[in-house]
């Protein structure tokens, strides 16, 4: 009985934290369904009184649709490329020791702690020098490079749990370094790939700083376009909130439908070190 009671006591802070994090989503949805005349600070918590105004979402979607395409074009290759590179790095650094490996790995991880703001000026100059400034290509490259440290760490820690005897047996059978990777390591890497793909997708999708600095108006992702939906004089908060919900919807859906796979990947050792 005491054990059952203690288990329910654990749920209390979890429920409170869940409610706390869902409050912005509630306000966003409630405001998005209101008419412009109903919007005020005094009524921000109240439900719509004049019915649900789906036209706010239709208007927001019509304004954001071209930029959703830019976000998808940017996010998908950035997540996939950084995951593949992280997988190769983690495999080499965990199973094939070479001179300087103990220095290269910390140097790669150091990239996780470099603030975006500190490299903006040299980043812009570099993108201009390789003719990638102003388009989606430069944004993809930036997210690939910034994603390599976390993907490398994830795969290295996962591959470190794989027995060395498995690789030795493959060597005896004549497999080379890349043969071992493609025939043994890659097929068992699904848990880690799920973790890093979801992580990289959400990180790149939610980015604003790189997007606003590196892209032009024709290449804006949805986060930048959402910021520019606000008028200079009067802001239609109902349309703005509807657009905010639509912009957040892809990441919400990913964690709703793939959250279990994300947790399984973590529990399988993807972030164990």
Protein backbone atom coordinates (compact mmCIF):
# COMPACT_ATOMS: atom_id res chain seq x y z
CA UNK A 1 0.00 0.00 0.00
CA UNK A 2 2.83 2.38 0.88
CA UNK A 3 4.59 1.55 -2.36
CA UNK A 4 1.42 2.29 -4.35
CA UNK A 5 0.92 5.57 -2.49
CA UNK A 6 4.51 6.66 -3.08
CA UNK A 7 4.11 5.92 -6.79
CA UNK A 8 1.10 8.21 -6.99
CA UNK A 9 3.02 10.91 -5.13
CA UNK A 10 5.61 10.82 -7.89
CA UNK A 11 2.90 11.59 -10.44
CA UNK A 12 1.94 14.85 -8.71
CA UNK A 13 5.08 16.85 -9.68
CA UNK A 14 5.01 15.27 -13.13
CA UNK A 15 1.43 16.43 -13.70
CA UNK A 16 2.25 19.90 -12.40
CA UNK A 17 5.27 20.22 -14.68
CA UNK A 18 3.19 18.98 -17.63
CA UNK A 19 0.51 21.58 -16.96
CA UNK A 20 3.15 24.29 -16.65
CA UNK A 21 4.63 23.47 -20.06
CA UNK A 22 1.22 23.13 -21.70
CA UNK A 23 0.04 26.59 -20.60
CA UNK A 24 1.71 28.40 -23.57
CA UNK A 25 0.17 25.88 -25.96
CA UNK A 26 -3.27 26.48 -24.42
CA UNK A 27 -2.96 30.26 -24.74
CA UNK A 28 -1.70 29.89 -28.30
CA UNK A 29 -4.63 27.72 -29.36
CA UNK A 30 -7.29 29.73 -27.51
CA UNK A 31 -6.04 32.99 -29.02
CA UNK A 32 -5.73 31.44 -32.45
CA UNK A 33 -9.42 30.53 -32.46
CA UNK A 34 -10.64 33.96 -31.33
CA UNK A 35 -11.78 36.88 -33.43
CA UNK A 36 -9.65 40.01 -33.39
CA UNK A 37 -12.21 41.89 -31.24
CA UNK A 38 -11.98 39.28 -28.46
CA UNK A 39 -8.24 39.59 -27.96
CA UNK A 40 -7.03 41.33 -24.82
CA UNK A 41 -4.81 40.61 -21.83
CA UNK A 42 -7.86 40.36 -19.60
CA UNK A 43 -9.44 37.59 -21.69
CA UNK A 44 -6.35 35.70 -22.76
CA UNK A 45 -7.31 32.70 -20.59
CA UNK A 46 -10.96 32.58 -21.61
CA UNK A 47 -12.36 30.42 -24.39
CA UNK A 48 -13.66 31.99 -27.63
CA UNK A 49 -17.16 33.43 -27.15
CA UNK A 50 -18.14 33.95 -30.78
CA UNK A 51 -17.28 30.46 -32.02
CA UNK A 52 -14.09 28.96 -33.40
CA UNK A 53 -12.47 31.08 -36.10
CA UNK A 54 -10.65 28.60 -38.33
CA UNK A 55 -10.09 31.41 -40.82
CA UNK A 56 -7.17 32.57 -38.64
CA UNK A 57 -5.36 29.30 -39.33
CA UNK A 58 -6.24 29.44 -43.02
CA UNK A 59 -4.83 32.97 -43.29
CA UNK A 60 -1.70 32.04 -41.35
CA UNK A 61 -1.13 28.95 -43.48
CA UNK A 62 -1.51 30.94 -46.71
CA UNK A 63 1.20 33.33 -45.51
CA UNK A 64 3.56 30.66 -44.21
CA UNK A 65 3.12 27.91 -46.83
CA UNK A 66 6.08 28.91 -49.08
CA UNK A 67 8.37 29.11 -46.05
CA UNK A 68 7.31 25.68 -44.76
CA UNK A 69 8.78 24.34 -47.99
CA UNK A 70 12.07 26.16 -47.30
CA UNK A 71 12.19 24.70 -43.79
CA UNK A 72 11.65 21.16 -45.06
CA UNK A 73 14.28 21.60 -47.78
CA UNK A 74 16.70 22.79 -45.12
CA UNK A 75 15.89 20.48 -42.22
CA UNK A 76 15.76 17.07 -43.92
CA UNK A 77 19.23 17.06 -45.54
CA UNK A 78 20.79 18.82 -42.53
CA UNK A 79 19.50 16.14 -40.15
CA UNK A 80 20.41 13.24 -42.43
CA UNK A 81 23.91 14.45 -43.37
CA UNK A 82 24.91 15.37 -39.81
CA UNK A 83 23.62 12.00 -38.56
CA UNK A 84 25.62 10.06 -41.15
CA UNK A 85 28.78 12.03 -40.44
CA UNK A 86 28.27 11.61 -36.70
CA UNK A 87 27.83 7.87 -37.18
CA UNK A 88 31.09 7.58 -39.12
CA UNK A 89 32.95 9.74 -36.61
CA UNK A 90 31.60 7.78 -33.67
CA UNK A 91 32.53 4.49 -35.29
CA UNK A 92 36.10 5.53 -36.02
CA UNK A 93 36.66 7.22 -32.65
CA UNK A 94 35.25 4.31 -30.64
CA UNK A 95 36.62 1.28 -32.49
CA UNK A 96 39.68 2.39 -34.47
CA UNK A 97 42.20 4.11 -32.28
CA UNK A 98 44.81 6.19 -34.08
CA UNK A 99 47.42 8.77 -33.03
CA UNK A 100 45.68 11.95 -31.92
CA UNK A 101 42.24 10.37 -31.47
CA UNK A 102 42.14 11.42 -27.82
CA UNK A 103 42.67 15.02 -28.91
CA UNK A 104 40.34 15.03 -31.91
CA UNK A 105 37.31 13.82 -29.96
CA UNK A 106 37.45 16.59 -27.29
CA UNK A 107 38.08 19.12 -30.07
CA UNK A 108 34.91 17.98 -31.84
CA UNK A 109 32.93 18.16 -28.61
CA UNK A 110 34.21 21.68 -28.01
CA UNK A 111 32.02 22.75 -30.91
CA UNK A 112 28.95 22.06 -28.74
CA UNK A 113 29.91 24.89 -26.41
CA UNK A 114 30.61 27.62 -28.99
CA UNK A 115 27.77 30.16 -28.84
CA UNK A 116 26.08 30.93 -32.15
CA UNK A 117 26.50 34.66 -31.62
CA UNK A 118 30.28 34.47 -31.33
CA UNK A 119 30.80 33.10 -34.85
CA UNK A 120 28.17 35.00 -36.83
CA UNK A 121 30.53 37.51 -38.49
CA UNK A 122 33.17 34.96 -39.63
CA UNK A 123 30.35 32.59 -40.60
CA UNK A 124 28.76 35.19 -42.87
CA UNK A 125 32.13 36.01 -44.42
CA UNK A 126 32.83 32.31 -45.01
CA UNK A 127 29.43 31.72 -46.61
CA UNK A 128 29.99 34.68 -48.91
CA UNK A 129 33.42 33.37 -49.90
CA UNK A 130 31.93 30.02 -51.01
CA UNK A 131 28.85 31.63 -52.61
CA UNK A 132 26.35 30.05 -50.22
CA UNK A 133 25.23 33.20 -48.45
CA UNK A 134 21.57 34.16 -48.80
CA UNK A 135 20.25 30.72 -49.76
CA UNK A 136 19.11 27.53 -48.11
CA UNK A 137 22.40 25.78 -48.92
CA UNK A 138 24.40 27.89 -46.50
CA UNK A 139 21.86 27.24 -43.75
CA UNK A 140 22.07 23.49 -44.37
CA UNK A 141 25.86 23.60 -44.12
CA UNK A 142 25.73 25.58 -40.86
CA UNK A 143 23.37 23.09 -39.21
CA UNK A 144 25.37 20.12 -40.46
CA UNK A 145 28.58 21.51 -38.96
CA UNK A 146 26.94 22.52 -35.68
CA UNK A 147 25.22 19.14 -35.46
CA UNK A 148 28.37 17.04 -35.86
CA UNK A 149 29.53 17.34 -32.19
CA UNK A 150 26.29 16.03 -30.64
CA UNK A 151 25.81 13.32 -33.27
CA UNK A 152 29.43 12.20 -32.87
CA UNK A 153 29.06 12.01 -29.09
CA UNK A 154 25.83 10.05 -29.37
CA UNK A 155 27.18 7.45 -31.80
CA UNK A 156 30.57 7.12 -30.12
CA UNK A 157 28.97 6.32 -26.77
CA UNK A 158 26.59 3.87 -28.42
CA UNK A 159 29.29 2.08 -30.42
CA UNK A 160 31.50 1.87 -27.34
CA UNK A 161 29.01 -0.64 -25.89
CA UNK A 162 29.42 -3.00 -28.88
CA UNK A 163 31.77 -5.91 -27.98
CA UNK A 164 35.16 -5.80 -29.68
CA UNK A 165 34.94 -9.54 -30.28
CA UNK A 166 32.25 -8.88 -32.87
CA UNK A 167 34.60 -6.68 -34.87
CA UNK A 168 37.49 -9.10 -34.47
CA UNK A 169 35.34 -11.90 -35.89
CA UNK A 170 34.49 -9.70 -38.88
CA UNK A 171 38.19 -8.97 -39.42
CA UNK A 172 38.98 -12.66 -39.42
CA UNK A 173 36.29 -13.14 -42.07
CA UNK A 174 38.09 -10.58 -44.24
CA UNK A 175 35.97 -7.46 -43.69
CA UNK A 176 37.81 -4.15 -43.91
CA UNK A 177 37.10 -1.01 -41.87
CA UNK A 178 34.18 0.16 -44.01
CA UNK A 179 32.89 -3.37 -44.52
CA UNK A 180 32.56 -3.76 -40.76
CA UNK A 181 30.72 -0.45 -40.58
CA UNK A 182 28.19 -1.18 -43.31
CA UNK A 183 27.62 -4.86 -42.50
CA UNK A 184 27.71 -4.80 -38.69
CA UNK A 185 27.67 -1.35 -37.11
CA UNK A 186 25.19 0.40 -39.37
CA UNK A 187 22.41 -2.24 -39.16
CA UNK A 188 22.43 -2.11 -35.34
CA UNK A 189 22.57 1.70 -35.19
CA UNK A 190 18.83 2.32 -35.61
CA UNK A 191 18.27 3.44 -31.98
CA UNK A 192 21.00 6.06 -32.24
CA UNK A 193 19.83 7.24 -35.65
CA UNK A 194 16.32 7.76 -34.28
CA UNK A 195 17.70 9.86 -31.42
CA UNK A 196 19.98 12.07 -33.50
CA UNK A 197 17.53 12.50 -36.39
CA UNK A 198 14.78 13.68 -34.06
CA UNK A 199 17.22 15.89 -32.17
CA UNK A 200 18.69 17.44 -35.32
CA UNK A 201 15.28 17.89 -36.94
CA UNK A 202 13.88 19.84 -34.01
CA UNK A 203 17.08 21.84 -33.52
CA UNK A 204 17.24 22.95 -37.15
CA UNK A 205 13.48 23.51 -37.47
CA UNK A 206 13.35 25.78 -34.41
CA UNK A 207 16.44 27.77 -35.32
CA UNK A 208 15.98 31.49 -35.83
CA UNK A 209 19.39 33.13 -35.44
CA UNK A 210 21.24 31.34 -38.25
CA UNK A 211 18.15 31.55 -40.44
CA UNK A 212 17.68 35.31 -40.12
CA UNK A 213 21.39 36.01 -40.64
CA UNK A 214 22.27 33.60 -43.45
CA UNK A 215 19.19 33.67 -45.67
CA UNK A 216 17.41 36.21 -47.86
CA UNK A 217 13.69 36.84 -47.96
CA UNK A 218 13.11 34.20 -50.66
CA UNK A 219 14.90 31.53 -48.63
CA UNK A 220 13.48 32.26 -45.18
CA UNK A 221 12.43 29.21 -43.15
CA UNK A 222 9.12 29.32 -41.34
CA UNK A 223 10.58 30.69 -38.09
CA UNK A 224 11.79 33.87 -39.76
CA UNK A 225 8.60 34.23 -41.81
CA UNK A 226 6.55 33.89 -38.63
CA UNK A 227 8.46 36.73 -37.02
CA UNK A 228 7.77 38.93 -40.03
CA UNK A 229 4.02 38.24 -39.99
CA UNK A 230 3.59 40.88 -37.30
CA UNK A 231 2.54 44.24 -38.70
CA UNK A 232 4.40 47.42 -37.93
CA UNK A 233 1.37 49.18 -36.39
CA UNK A 234 -1.33 46.65 -35.49
CA UNK A 235 -0.57 43.02 -34.77
CA UNK A 236 -3.32 40.49 -35.45
CA UNK A 237 -2.49 38.30 -32.46
CA UNK A 238 -5.09 35.72 -33.40
CA UNK A 239 -3.46 35.12 -36.78
CA UNK A 240 0.01 35.34 -35.21
CA UNK A 241 -0.85 32.70 -32.62
CA UNK A 242 -2.42 30.47 -35.26
CA UNK A 243 0.78 30.77 -37.28
CA UNK A 244 2.89 29.99 -34.20
CA UNK A 245 0.93 26.80 -33.62
CA UNK A 246 1.28 25.76 -37.26
CA UNK A 247 5.04 26.44 -37.15
CA UNK A 248 5.40 24.33 -34.00
CA UNK A 249 3.14 21.54 -35.26
CA UNK A 250 5.79 19.45 -37.11
CA UNK A 251 8.00 19.12 -34.04
CA UNK A 252 4.98 18.44 -31.83
CA UNK A 253 3.83 15.65 -34.14
CA UNK A 254 7.30 14.13 -34.24
CA UNK A 255 7.49 13.85 -30.46
CA UNK A 256 3.88 12.66 -30.20
CA UNK A 257 4.25 9.85 -32.74
CA UNK A 258 7.98 9.10 -32.42
CA UNK A 259 8.55 9.95 -28.77
CA UNK A 260 8.52 6.29 -27.75
CA UNK A 261 11.22 5.50 -30.30
CA UNK A 262 13.24 8.47 -29.03
CA UNK A 263 13.06 7.15 -25.46
CA UNK A 264 13.90 3.63 -26.60
CA UNK A 265 16.96 5.00 -28.37
CA UNK A 266 18.09 6.73 -25.20
CA UNK A 267 17.50 3.63 -23.12
CA UNK A 268 19.38 1.50 -25.66
CA UNK A 269 22.54 3.39 -24.78
CA UNK A 270 22.51 6.22 -27.29
CA UNK A 271 23.49 8.77 -24.67
CA UNK A 272 25.27 6.56 -22.19
CA UNK A 273 28.89 7.22 -21.60
